Amino acid sequence: MQGDNPYQQPQADVMPVREASALEVNPPRGRDIGAGWRWIADGWRVFKSAWVQIFFGLLLLWVLSMVIQWVPIVGFFASVILTPVFSVGLLVLAWKADEGQGASIGDIFTGFQNKFPQLALLGLAYLGLIVGGFLVVGLLGYLLMADALMQSFAMLEAIDEGAAPGAMGGDMFLRFMLLMLLAMAVMIPVMALYWFSPALVFFGNRGIGEAFKESLMGCLKNILPMLWYSIVMIILLILAVIPLGLGLLVLLPVLAVSYYSSFRDIYTDTL
């Protein structure tokens, strides 16, 4: 026994592995605009702590996603349905790296091992939102462009017969720009409904409807920081492409991990 020898060194582990904190998921909170940059900076911090596992884990995840998309006909639909599963793999890998819990490349398969049915159903619901959004955009496009296209064809026939060209080109351009704005107005809410929902289902045990609602609220409460985040991301992507695109090898994993950082900042008590 240690008590028999007062000079014996203590056998206890004086530097134990830090126990993973419980990731308690709360209703979303609004953050200041500067949070957009902090998410990226925190993504860099987490990436540095386990860059090998994160880099090759994300590479494997990307290859797996590409292989699925190459499957004829069903590949696209399968990749969308599995998107939440892949997202959870990224989130768990980043979370374990952040908590110092020995992150491994195999963490990217967590979504296949835990809560797969819920995540697949979430992906199916997300696919429904995408299809519904495209149908709405297609209908708007038909209403805006159909008559203009018919007039354009009629004008081309008239020009072939020697008539002077009209000003339909400008009208077509304005209609097209309006259609693009309407498409954004439809698809951005679709993305907001989905954005944080995989994390909310996995970490927060939310149902699909509740996850969509809280994801939308999280995005609405953080419009300014998410806008600033997008602007900084675009600037960094431009800079990363300059040296033969080599900067993307670091920047893309950092941006992927910043997704975890933004979720933790908005929905938990810690960043």
C-alpha atoms as a PDB file:
ATOM      1  CA  MET A   1       0.000   0.000   0.000  1.00  0.00           C
ATOM      2  CA  GLN A   2       1.098   3.547  -0.652  1.00  0.00           C
ATOM      3  CA  GLY A   3       0.680   4.403   3.043  1.00  0.00           C
ATOM      4  CA  ASP A   4       3.429   1.919   3.969  1.00  0.00           C
ATOM      5  CA  ASN A   5       6.036   4.022   2.156  1.00  0.00           C
ATOM      6  CA  PRO A   6       5.703   7.778   2.674  1.00  0.00           C
ATOM      7  CA  TYR A   7       8.335   8.391  -0.042  1.00  0.00           C
ATOM      8  CA  GLN A   8       6.502   6.448  -2.740  1.00  0.00           C
ATOM      9  CA  GLN A   9       5.278   8.562  -5.642  1.00  0.00           C
ATOM     10  CA  PRO A  10       1.489   8.851  -5.904  1.00  0.00           C
ATOM     11  CA  GLN A  11      -0.041   6.361  -8.339  1.00  0.00           C
ATOM     12  CA  ALA A  12      -3.133   8.396  -9.141  1.00  0.00           C
ATOM     13  CA  ASP A  13      -3.489   9.920 -12.603  1.00  0.00           C
ATOM     14  CA  VAL A  14      -2.760  13.562 -11.887  1.00  0.00           C
ATOM     15  CA  MET A  15      -3.719  14.598 -15.447  1.00  0.00           C
ATOM     16  CA  PRO A  16      -6.865  12.625 -16.233  1.00  0.00           C
ATOM     17  CA  VAL A  17      -8.613  12.928 -19.562  1.00  0.00           C
ATOM     18  CA  ARG A  18     -11.157  15.702 -19.242  1.00  0.00           C
ATOM     19  CA  GLU A  19     -14.636  14.275 -19.031  1.00  0.00           C
ATOM     20  CA  ALA A  20     -16.856  15.413 -21.864  1.00  0.00           C
ATOM     21  CA  SER A  21     -19.219  18.095 -20.772  1.00  0.00           C
ATOM     22  CA  ALA A  22     -22.913  17.512 -21.240  1.00  0.00           C
ATOM     23  CA  LEU A  23     -23.932  19.443 -24.302  1.00  0.00           C
ATOM     24  CA  GLU A  24     -27.192  20.834 -23.001  1.00  0.00           C
ATOM     25  CA  VAL A  25     -29.151  22.278 -25.896  1.00  0.00           C
ATOM     26  CA  ASN A  26     -31.266  25.336 -25.082  1.00  0.00           C
ATOM     27  CA  PRO A  27     -33.665  27.436 -27.151  1.00  0.00           C
ATOM     28  CA  PRO A  28     -31.725  29.622 -29.588  1.00  0.00           C
ATOM     29  CA  ARG A  29     -30.329  32.949 -28.452  1.00  0.00           C
ATOM     30  CA  GLY A  30     -29.291  35.957 -30.491  1.00  0.00           C
ATOM     31  CA  ARG A  31     -25.608  36.841 -30.744  1.00  0.00           C
ATOM     32  CA  ASP A  32     -23.869  40.090 -31.672  1.00  0.00           C
ATOM     33  CA  ILE A  33     -22.654  40.653 -35.216  1.00  0.00           C
ATOM     34  CA  GLY A  34     -19.060  39.913 -34.197  1.00  0.00           C
ATOM     35  CA  ALA A  35     -20.036  36.308 -33.533  1.00  0.00           C
ATOM     36  CA  GLY A  36     -19.796  35.718 -37.286  1.00  0.00           C
ATOM     37  CA  TRP A  37     -16.024  36.094 -37.093  1.00  0.00           C
ATOM     38  CA  ARG A  38     -15.728  34.314 -33.744  1.00  0.00           C
ATOM     39  CA  TRP A  39     -17.303  31.170 -35.201  1.00  0.00           C
ATOM     40  CA  ILE A  40     -14.587  31.013 -37.843  1.00  0.00           C
ATOM     41  CA  ALA A  41     -11.844  31.758 -35.303  1.00  0.00           C
ATOM     42  CA  ASP A  42     -13.200  29.051 -33.019  1.00  0.00           C
ATOM     43  CA  GLY A  43     -13.347  26.673 -35.967  1.00  0.00           C
ATOM     44  CA  TRP A  44      -9.617  27.261 -36.453  1.00  0.00           C
ATOM     45  CA  ARG A  45      -8.973  26.582 -32.756  1.00  0.00           C
ATOM     46  CA  VAL A  46     -10.861  23.288 -32.819  1.00  0.00           C
ATOM     47  CA  PHE A  47      -9.313  22.269 -36.145  1.00  0.00           C
ATOM     48  CA  LYS A  48      -5.800  22.800 -34.793  1.00  0.00           C
ATOM     49  CA  SER A  49      -6.496  20.538 -31.827  1.00  0.00           C
ATOM     50  CA  ALA A  50      -7.115  17.484 -34.039  1.00  0.00           C
ATOM     51  CA  TRP A  51      -6.325  18.532 -37.573  1.00  0.00           C
ATOM     52  CA  VAL A  52      -5.324  15.094 -38.839  1.00  0.00           C
ATOM     53  CA  GLN A  53      -8.558  13.433 -37.721  1.00  0.00           C
ATOM     54  CA  ILE A  54     -10.709  16.327 -38.902  1.00  0.00           C
ATOM     55  CA  PHE A  55      -9.014  16.692 -42.289  1.00  0.00           C
ATOM     56  CA  PHE A  56      -9.057  13.024 -43.216  1.00  0.00           C
ATOM     57  CA  GLY A  57     -12.460  12.470 -41.630  1.00  0.00           C
ATOM     58  CA  LEU A  58     -13.975  15.207 -43.774  1.00  0.00           C
ATOM     59  CA  LEU A  59     -12.101  13.895 -46.827  1.00  0.00           C
ATOM     60  CA  LEU A  60     -13.582  10.442 -46.284  1.00  0.00           C
ATOM     61  CA  LEU A  61     -16.999  11.983 -45.768  1.00  0.00           C
ATOM     62  CA  TRP A  62     -16.688  13.901 -49.039  1.00  0.00           C
ATOM     63  CA  VAL A  63     -15.592  10.794 -50.960  1.00  0.00           C
ATOM     64  CA  LEU A  64     -18.497   8.801 -49.521  1.00  0.00           C
ATOM     65  CA  SER A  65     -20.936  11.563 -50.496  1.00  0.00           C
ATOM     66  CA  MET A  66     -19.546  11.694 -54.058  1.00  0.00           C
ATOM     67  CA  VAL A  67     -19.822   7.923 -54.466  1.00  0.00           C
ATOM     68  CA  ILE A  68     -23.473   8.018 -53.399  1.00  0.00           C
ATOM     69  CA  GLN A  69     -24.262  10.867 -55.804  1.00  0.00           C
ATOM     70  CA  TRP A  70     -22.753   8.922 -58.701  1.00  0.00           C
ATOM     71  CA  VAL A  71     -25.390   6.220 -58.324  1.00  0.00           C
ATOM     72  CA  PRO A  72     -27.791   6.694 -61.273  1.00  0.00           C
ATOM     73  CA  ILE A  73     -31.243   8.155 -60.605  1.00  0.00           C
ATOM     74  CA  VAL A  74     -31.376   7.537 -56.843  1.00  0.00           C
ATOM     75  CA  GLY A  75     -27.965   9.020 -56.032  1.00  0.00           C
ATOM     76  CA  PHE A  76     -29.157  12.610 -55.641  1.00  0.00           C
ATOM     77  CA  PHE A  77     -32.131  11.690 -53.500  1.00  0.00           C
ATOM     78  CA  ALA A  78     -30.052   9.351 -51.317  1.00  0.00           C
ATOM     79  CA  SER A  79     -27.388  12.017 -50.806  1.00  0.00           C
ATOM     80  CA  VAL A  80     -30.003  14.551 -49.650  1.00  0.00           C
ATOM     81  CA  ILE A  81     -31.638  12.056 -47.284  1.00  0.00           C
ATOM     82  CA  LEU A  82     -28.229  11.181 -45.814  1.00  0.00           C
ATOM     83  CA  THR A  83     -27.127  14.823 -45.472  1.00  0.00           C
ATOM     84  CA  PRO A  84     -28.197  15.017 -41.777  1.00  0.00           C
ATOM     85  CA  VAL A  85     -26.323  11.763 -41.102  1.00  0.00           C
ATOM     86  CA  PHE A  86     -23.157  13.228 -42.606  1.00  0.00           C
ATOM     87  CA  SER A  87     -23.674  16.494 -40.713  1.00  0.00           C
ATOM     88  CA  VAL A  88     -23.889  14.646 -37.398  1.00  0.00           C
ATOM     89  CA  GLY A  89     -20.616  12.889 -38.199  1.00  0.00           C
ATOM     90  CA  LEU A  90     -18.937  16.269 -38.649  1.00  0.00           C
ATOM     91  CA  LEU A  91     -20.535  17.658 -35.491  1.00  0.00           C
ATOM     92  CA  VAL A  92     -19.473  14.722 -33.309  1.00  0.00           C
ATOM     93  CA  LEU A  93     -15.939  14.775 -34.714  1.00  0.00           C
ATOM     94  CA  ALA A  94     -15.632  18.501 -33.956  1.00  0.00           C
ATOM     95  CA  TRP A  95     -17.278  18.116 -30.542  1.00  0.00           C
ATOM     96  CA  LYS A  96     -14.917  15.355 -29.432  1.00  0.00           C
ATOM     97  CA  ALA A  97     -11.935  17.364 -30.684  1.00  0.00           C
ATOM     98  CA  ASP A  98     -13.204  20.402 -28.773  1.00  0.00           C
ATOM     99  CA  GLU A  99     -13.704  18.374 -25.586  1.00  0.00           C
ATOM    100  CA  GLY A 100     -10.322  16.632 -25.847  1.00  0.00           C
ATOM    101  CA  GLN A 101     -11.981  13.223 -26.009  1.00  0.00           C
ATOM    102  CA  GLY A 102      -9.751  11.547 -28.568  1.00  0.00           C
ATOM    103  CA  ALA A 103     -11.516  12.401 -31.806  1.00  0.00           C
ATOM    104  CA  SER A 104     -11.074   9.768 -34.495  1.00  0.00           C
ATOM    105  CA  ILE A 105     -11.794   9.519 -38.196  1.00  0.00           C
ATOM    106  CA  GLY A 106     -14.421   6.898 -37.418  1.00  0.00           C
ATOM    107  CA  ASP A 107     -16.522   9.532 -35.646  1.00  0.00           C
ATOM    108  CA  ILE A 108     -17.890  10.582 -39.030  1.00  0.00           C
ATOM    109  CA  PHE A 109     -19.979   7.382 -38.998  1.00  0.00           C
ATOM    110  CA  THR A 110     -21.693   8.279 -35.725  1.00  0.00           C
ATOM    111  CA  GLY A 111     -24.884   9.265 -37.526  1.00  0.00           C
ATOM    112  CA  PHE A 112     -25.113   5.786 -39.045  1.00  0.00           C
ATOM    113  CA  GLN A 113     -24.701   4.190 -35.610  1.00  0.00           C
ATOM    114  CA  ASN A 114     -26.853   6.465 -33.446  1.00  0.00           C
ATOM    115  CA  LYS A 115     -30.285   7.930 -34.221  1.00  0.00           C
ATOM    116  CA  PHE A 116     -30.057   6.884 -37.857  1.00  0.00           C
ATOM    117  CA  PRO A 117     -33.858   6.482 -38.316  1.00  0.00           C
ATOM    118  CA  GLN A 118     -34.540   9.966 -36.935  1.00  0.00           C
ATOM    119  CA  LEU A 119     -31.781  11.511 -39.046  1.00  0.00           C
ATOM    120  CA  ALA A 120     -32.914   9.705 -42.197  1.00  0.00           C
ATOM    121  CA  LEU A 121     -36.480  10.900 -41.633  1.00  0.00           C
ATOM    122  CA  LEU A 122     -35.113  14.406 -41.171  1.00  0.00           C
ATOM    123  CA  GLY A 123     -33.287  14.037 -44.487  1.00  0.00           C
ATOM    124  CA  LEU A 124     -36.487  12.851 -46.132  1.00  0.00           C
ATOM    125  CA  ALA A 125     -38.335  15.888 -44.764  1.00  0.00           C
ATOM    126  CA  TYR A 126     -35.501  18.105 -46.026  1.00  0.00           C
ATOM    127  CA  LEU A 127     -35.836  16.502 -49.463  1.00  0.00           C
ATOM    128  CA  GLY A 128     -39.550  17.327 -49.377  1.00  0.00           C
ATOM    129  CA  LEU A 129     -38.756  20.955 -48.559  1.00  0.00           C
ATOM    130  CA  ILE A 130     -36.293  21.156 -51.452  1.00  0.00           C
ATOM    131  CA  VAL A 131     -38.706  19.598 -53.935  1.00  0.00           C
ATOM    132  CA  GLY A 132     -41.507  21.848 -52.703  1.00  0.00           C
ATOM    133  CA  GLY A 133     -39.262  24.898 -52.995  1.00  0.00           C
ATOM    134  CA  PHE A 134     -38.271  24.035 -56.571  1.00  0.00           C
ATOM    135  CA  LEU A 135     -41.904  23.490 -57.510  1.00  0.00           C
ATOM    136  CA  VAL A 136     -42.807  26.930 -56.174  1.00  0.00           C
ATOM    137  CA  VAL A 137     -39.868  28.521 -58.011  1.00  0.00           C
ATOM    138  CA  GLY A 138     -40.826  26.651 -61.187  1.00  0.00           C
ATOM    139  CA  LEU A 139     -44.401  27.903 -60.936  1.00  0.00           C
ATOM    140  CA  LEU A 140     -43.201  31.464 -60.372  1.00  0.00           C
ATOM    141  CA  GLY A 141     -40.860  31.118 -63.315  1.00  0.00           C
ATOM    142  CA  TYR A 142     -43.700  29.958 -65.543  1.00  0.00           C
ATOM    143  CA  LEU A 143     -45.934  32.840 -64.467  1.00  0.00           C
ATOM    144  CA  LEU A 144     -43.180  35.399 -64.998  1.00  0.00           C
ATOM    145  CA  MET A 145     -41.459  34.093 -68.098  1.00  0.00           C
ATOM    146  CA  ALA A 146     -43.962  32.127 -70.179  1.00  0.00           C
ATOM    147  CA  ASP A 147     -45.619  35.046 -71.971  1.00  0.00           C
ATOM    148  CA  ALA A 148     -42.306  36.871 -72.318  1.00  0.00           C
ATOM    149  CA  LEU A 149     -40.733  33.826 -73.960  1.00  0.00           C
ATOM    150  CA  MET A 150     -43.652  33.518 -76.355  1.00  0.00           C
ATOM    151  CA  GLN A 151     -43.283  37.196 -77.264  1.00  0.00           C
ATOM    152  CA  SER A 152     -39.543  36.704 -77.753  1.00  0.00           C
ATOM    153  CA  PHE A 153     -40.120  33.819 -80.165  1.00  0.00           C
ATOM    154  CA  ALA A 154     -42.673  35.903 -82.040  1.00  0.00           C
ATOM    155  CA  MET A 155     -40.212  38.799 -82.206  1.00  0.00           C
ATOM    156  CA  LEU A 156     -37.452  36.550 -83.565  1.00  0.00           C
ATOM    157  CA  GLU A 157     -39.778  35.394 -86.309  1.00  0.00           C
ATOM    158  CA  ALA A 158     -40.636  39.011 -87.097  1.00  0.00           C
ATOM    159  CA  ILE A 159     -36.946  39.940 -87.238  1.00  0.00           C
ATOM    160  CA  ASP A 160     -36.325  37.074 -89.641  1.00  0.00           C
ATOM    161  CA  GLU A 161     -39.028  38.586 -91.846  1.00  0.00           C
ATOM    162  CA  GLY A 162     -37.303  41.973 -91.819  1.00  0.00           C
ATOM    163  CA  ALA A 163     -39.023  43.744 -88.910  1.00  0.00           C
ATOM    164  CA  ALA A 164     -37.027  46.034 -86.578  1.00  0.00           C
ATOM    165  CA  PRO A 165     -36.021  44.457 -83.232  1.00  0.00           C
ATOM    166  CA  GLY A 166     -38.008  45.592 -80.202  1.00  0.00           C
ATOM    167  CA  ALA A 167     -37.045  46.127 -76.577  1.00  0.00           C
ATOM    168  CA  MET A 168     -38.038  42.702 -75.294  1.00  0.00           C
ATOM    169  CA  GLY A 169     -34.456  41.959 -74.190  1.00  0.00           C
ATOM    170  CA  GLY A 170     -34.592  44.456 -71.339  1.00  0.00           C
ATOM    171  CA  ASP A 171     -37.954  43.196 -70.179  1.00  0.00           C
ATOM    172  CA  MET A 172     -36.681  39.605 -70.166  1.00  0.00           C
ATOM    173  CA  PHE A 173     -33.672  40.604 -68.097  1.00  0.00           C
ATOM    174  CA  LEU A 174     -35.840  42.367 -65.495  1.00  0.00           C
ATOM    175  CA  ARG A 175     -38.147  39.380 -65.269  1.00  0.00           C
ATOM    176  CA  PHE A 176     -35.201  37.043 -64.873  1.00  0.00           C
ATOM    177  CA  MET A 177     -33.728  39.142 -62.063  1.00  0.00           C
ATOM    178  CA  LEU A 178     -37.109  39.238 -60.333  1.00  0.00           C
ATOM    179  CA  LEU A 179     -37.320  35.456 -60.627  1.00  0.00           C
ATOM    180  CA  MET A 180     -33.871  35.109 -59.024  1.00  0.00           C
ATOM    181  CA  LEU A 181     -34.944  37.297 -56.109  1.00  0.00           C
ATOM    182  CA  LEU A 182     -38.143  35.296 -55.657  1.00  0.00           C
ATOM    183  CA  ALA A 183     -36.161  32.047 -55.797  1.00  0.00           C
ATOM    184  CA  MET A 184     -33.917  33.319 -53.014  1.00  0.00           C
ATOM    185  CA  ALA A 185     -36.973  34.349 -51.001  1.00  0.00           C
ATOM    186  CA  VAL A 186     -38.251  30.769 -51.278  1.00  0.00           C
ATOM    187  CA  MET A 187     -35.044  28.751 -50.835  1.00  0.00           C
ATOM    188  CA  ILE A 188     -33.352  30.746 -48.056  1.00  0.00           C
ATOM    189  CA  PRO A 189     -36.144  29.907 -45.575  1.00  0.00           C
ATOM    190  CA  VAL A 190     -35.843  26.263 -46.647  1.00  0.00           C
ATOM    191  CA  MET A 191     -32.147  26.341 -45.761  1.00  0.00           C
ATOM    192  CA  ALA A 192     -32.882  28.137 -42.477  1.00  0.00           C
ATOM    193  CA  LEU A 193     -35.415  25.476 -41.499  1.00  0.00           C
ATOM    194  CA  TYR A 194     -32.837  22.761 -42.033  1.00  0.00           C
ATOM    195  CA  TRP A 195     -29.524  24.427 -41.091  1.00  0.00           C
ATOM    196  CA  PHE A 196     -29.236  23.525 -37.407  1.00  0.00           C
ATOM    197  CA  SER A 197     -31.826  20.735 -37.384  1.00  0.00           C
ATOM    198  CA  PRO A 198     -29.364  17.776 -37.527  1.00  0.00           C
ATOM    199  CA  ALA A 199     -27.601  19.043 -34.396  1.00  0.00           C
ATOM    200  CA  LEU A 200     -30.923  19.698 -32.682  1.00  0.00           C
ATOM    201  CA  VAL A 201     -32.170  16.172 -33.428  1.00  0.00           C
ATOM    202  CA  PHE A 202     -28.922  14.498 -32.375  1.00  0.00           C
ATOM    203  CA  PHE A 203     -27.722  16.581 -29.424  1.00  0.00           C
ATOM    204  CA  GLY A 204     -31.034  18.095 -28.372  1.00  0.00           C
ATOM    205  CA  ASN A 205     -33.340  15.095 -28.902  1.00  0.00           C
ATOM    206  CA  ARG A 206     -35.760  17.333 -30.789  1.00  0.00           C
ATOM    207  CA  GLY A 207     -38.465  15.975 -33.044  1.00  0.00           C
ATOM    208  CA  ILE A 208     -38.288  16.875 -36.714  1.00  0.00           C
ATOM    209  CA  GLY A 209     -40.928  19.603 -36.560  1.00  0.00           C
ATOM    210  CA  GLU A 210     -39.438  21.068 -33.394  1.00  0.00           C
ATOM    211  CA  ALA A 211     -35.944  20.944 -34.899  1.00  0.00           C
ATOM    212  CA  PHE A 212     -37.104  22.798 -38.008  1.00  0.00           C
ATOM    213  CA  LYS A 213     -38.800  25.443 -35.872  1.00  0.00           C
ATOM    214  CA  GLU A 214     -35.803  26.007 -33.576  1.00  0.00           C
ATOM    215  CA  SER A 215     -33.402  26.037 -36.524  1.00  0.00           C
ATOM    216  CA  LEU A 216     -35.471  28.731 -38.231  1.00  0.00           C
ATOM    217  CA  MET A 217     -35.652  30.753 -35.008  1.00  0.00           C
ATOM    218  CA  GLY A 218     -31.892  30.413 -34.498  1.00  0.00           C
ATOM    219  CA  CYS A 219     -31.245  31.784 -37.987  1.00  0.00           C
ATOM    220  CA  LEU A 220     -33.773  34.619 -37.621  1.00  0.00           C
ATOM    221  CA  LYS A 221     -32.275  35.704 -34.292  1.00  0.00           C
ATOM    222  CA  ASN A 222     -28.796  35.751 -35.811  1.00  0.00           C
ATOM    223  CA  ILE A 223     -29.317  37.314 -39.234  1.00  0.00           C
ATOM    224  CA  LEU A 224     -26.559  39.903 -38.759  1.00  0.00           C
ATOM    225  CA  PRO A 225     -23.833  37.573 -37.443  1.00  0.00           C
ATOM    226  CA  MET A 226     -24.701  34.990 -40.118  1.00  0.00           C
ATOM    227  CA  LEU A 227     -24.525  37.701 -42.789  1.00  0.00           C
ATOM    228  CA  TRP A 228     -21.135  38.830 -41.468  1.00  0.00           C
ATOM    229  CA  TYR A 229     -20.047  35.178 -41.305  1.00  0.00           C
ATOM    230  CA  SER A 230     -20.981  34.754 -44.984  1.00  0.00           C
ATOM    231  CA  ILE A 231     -19.097  37.901 -46.025  1.00  0.00           C
ATOM    232  CA  VAL A 232     -15.940  36.889 -44.152  1.00  0.00           C
ATOM    233  CA  MET A 233     -16.213  33.368 -45.565  1.00  0.00           C
ATOM    234  CA  ILE A 234     -16.386  34.679 -49.149  1.00  0.00           C
ATOM    235  CA  ILE A 235     -13.354  36.916 -48.575  1.00  0.00           C
ATOM    236  CA  LEU A 236     -11.368  34.035 -47.083  1.00  0.00           C
ATOM    237  CA  LEU A 237     -12.351  31.725 -49.938  1.00  0.00           C
ATOM    238  CA  ILE A 238     -11.090  34.268 -52.479  1.00  0.00           C
ATOM    239  CA  LEU A 239      -7.797  34.596 -50.613  1.00  0.00           C
ATOM    240  CA  ALA A 240      -7.473  30.819 -50.239  1.00  0.00           C
ATOM    241  CA  VAL A 241      -7.828  30.283 -53.981  1.00  0.00           C
ATOM    242  CA  ILE A 242      -4.966  32.661 -54.849  1.00  0.00           C
ATOM    243  CA  PRO A 243      -2.041  30.311 -53.985  1.00  0.00           C
ATOM    244  CA  LEU A 244      -3.107  27.622 -56.493  1.00  0.00           C
ATOM    245  CA  GLY A 245      -6.074  26.801 -54.276  1.00  0.00           C
ATOM    246  CA  LEU A 246      -3.823  25.296 -51.616  1.00  0.00           C
ATOM    247  CA  GLY A 247      -5.367  27.474 -48.920  1.00  0.00           C
ATOM    248  CA  LEU A 248      -8.619  25.581 -49.382  1.00  0.00           C
ATOM    249  CA  LEU A 249      -7.007  22.487 -47.850  1.00  0.00           C
ATOM    250  CA  VAL A 250      -7.049  24.323 -44.522  1.00  0.00           C
ATOM    251  CA  LEU A 251      -9.894  26.782 -44.960  1.00  0.00           C
ATOM    252  CA  LEU A 252     -12.605  24.294 -45.973  1.00  0.00           C
ATOM    253  CA  PRO A 253     -12.142  22.090 -42.882  1.00  0.00           C
ATOM    254  CA  VAL A 254     -12.041  25.203 -40.681  1.00  0.00           C
ATOM    255  CA  LEU A 255     -15.305  26.450 -42.187  1.00  0.00           C
ATOM    256  CA  ALA A 256     -16.853  23.008 -41.725  1.00  0.00           C
ATOM    257  CA  VAL A 257     -15.902  23.024 -38.042  1.00  0.00           C
ATOM    258  CA  SER A 258     -17.202  26.592 -37.676  1.00  0.00           C
ATOM    259  CA  TYR A 259     -20.659  25.115 -38.317  1.00  0.00           C
ATOM    260  CA  TYR A 260     -20.254  23.271 -35.004  1.00  0.00           C
ATOM    261  CA  SER A 261     -18.977  26.448 -33.342  1.00  0.00           C
ATOM    262  CA  SER A 262     -22.001  28.458 -34.481  1.00  0.00           C
ATOM    263  CA  PHE A 263     -24.395  25.798 -33.202  1.00  0.00           C
ATOM    264  CA  ARG A 264     -22.665  25.649 -29.833  1.00  0.00           C
ATOM    265  CA  ASP A 265     -22.653  29.425 -29.504  1.00  0.00           C
ATOM    266  CA  ILE A 266     -26.331  29.838 -30.358  1.00  0.00           C
ATOM    267  CA  TYR A 267     -27.858  26.818 -28.648  1.00  0.00           C
ATOM    268  CA  THR A 268     -25.609  26.076 -25.651  1.00  0.00           C
ATOM    269  CA  ASP A 269     -24.105  28.054 -22.805  1.00  0.00           C
ATOM    270  CA  THR A 270     -20.531  27.708 -24.025  1.00  0.00           C
ATOM    271  CA  LEU A 271     -18.527  28.312 -27.182  1.00  0.00           C
END
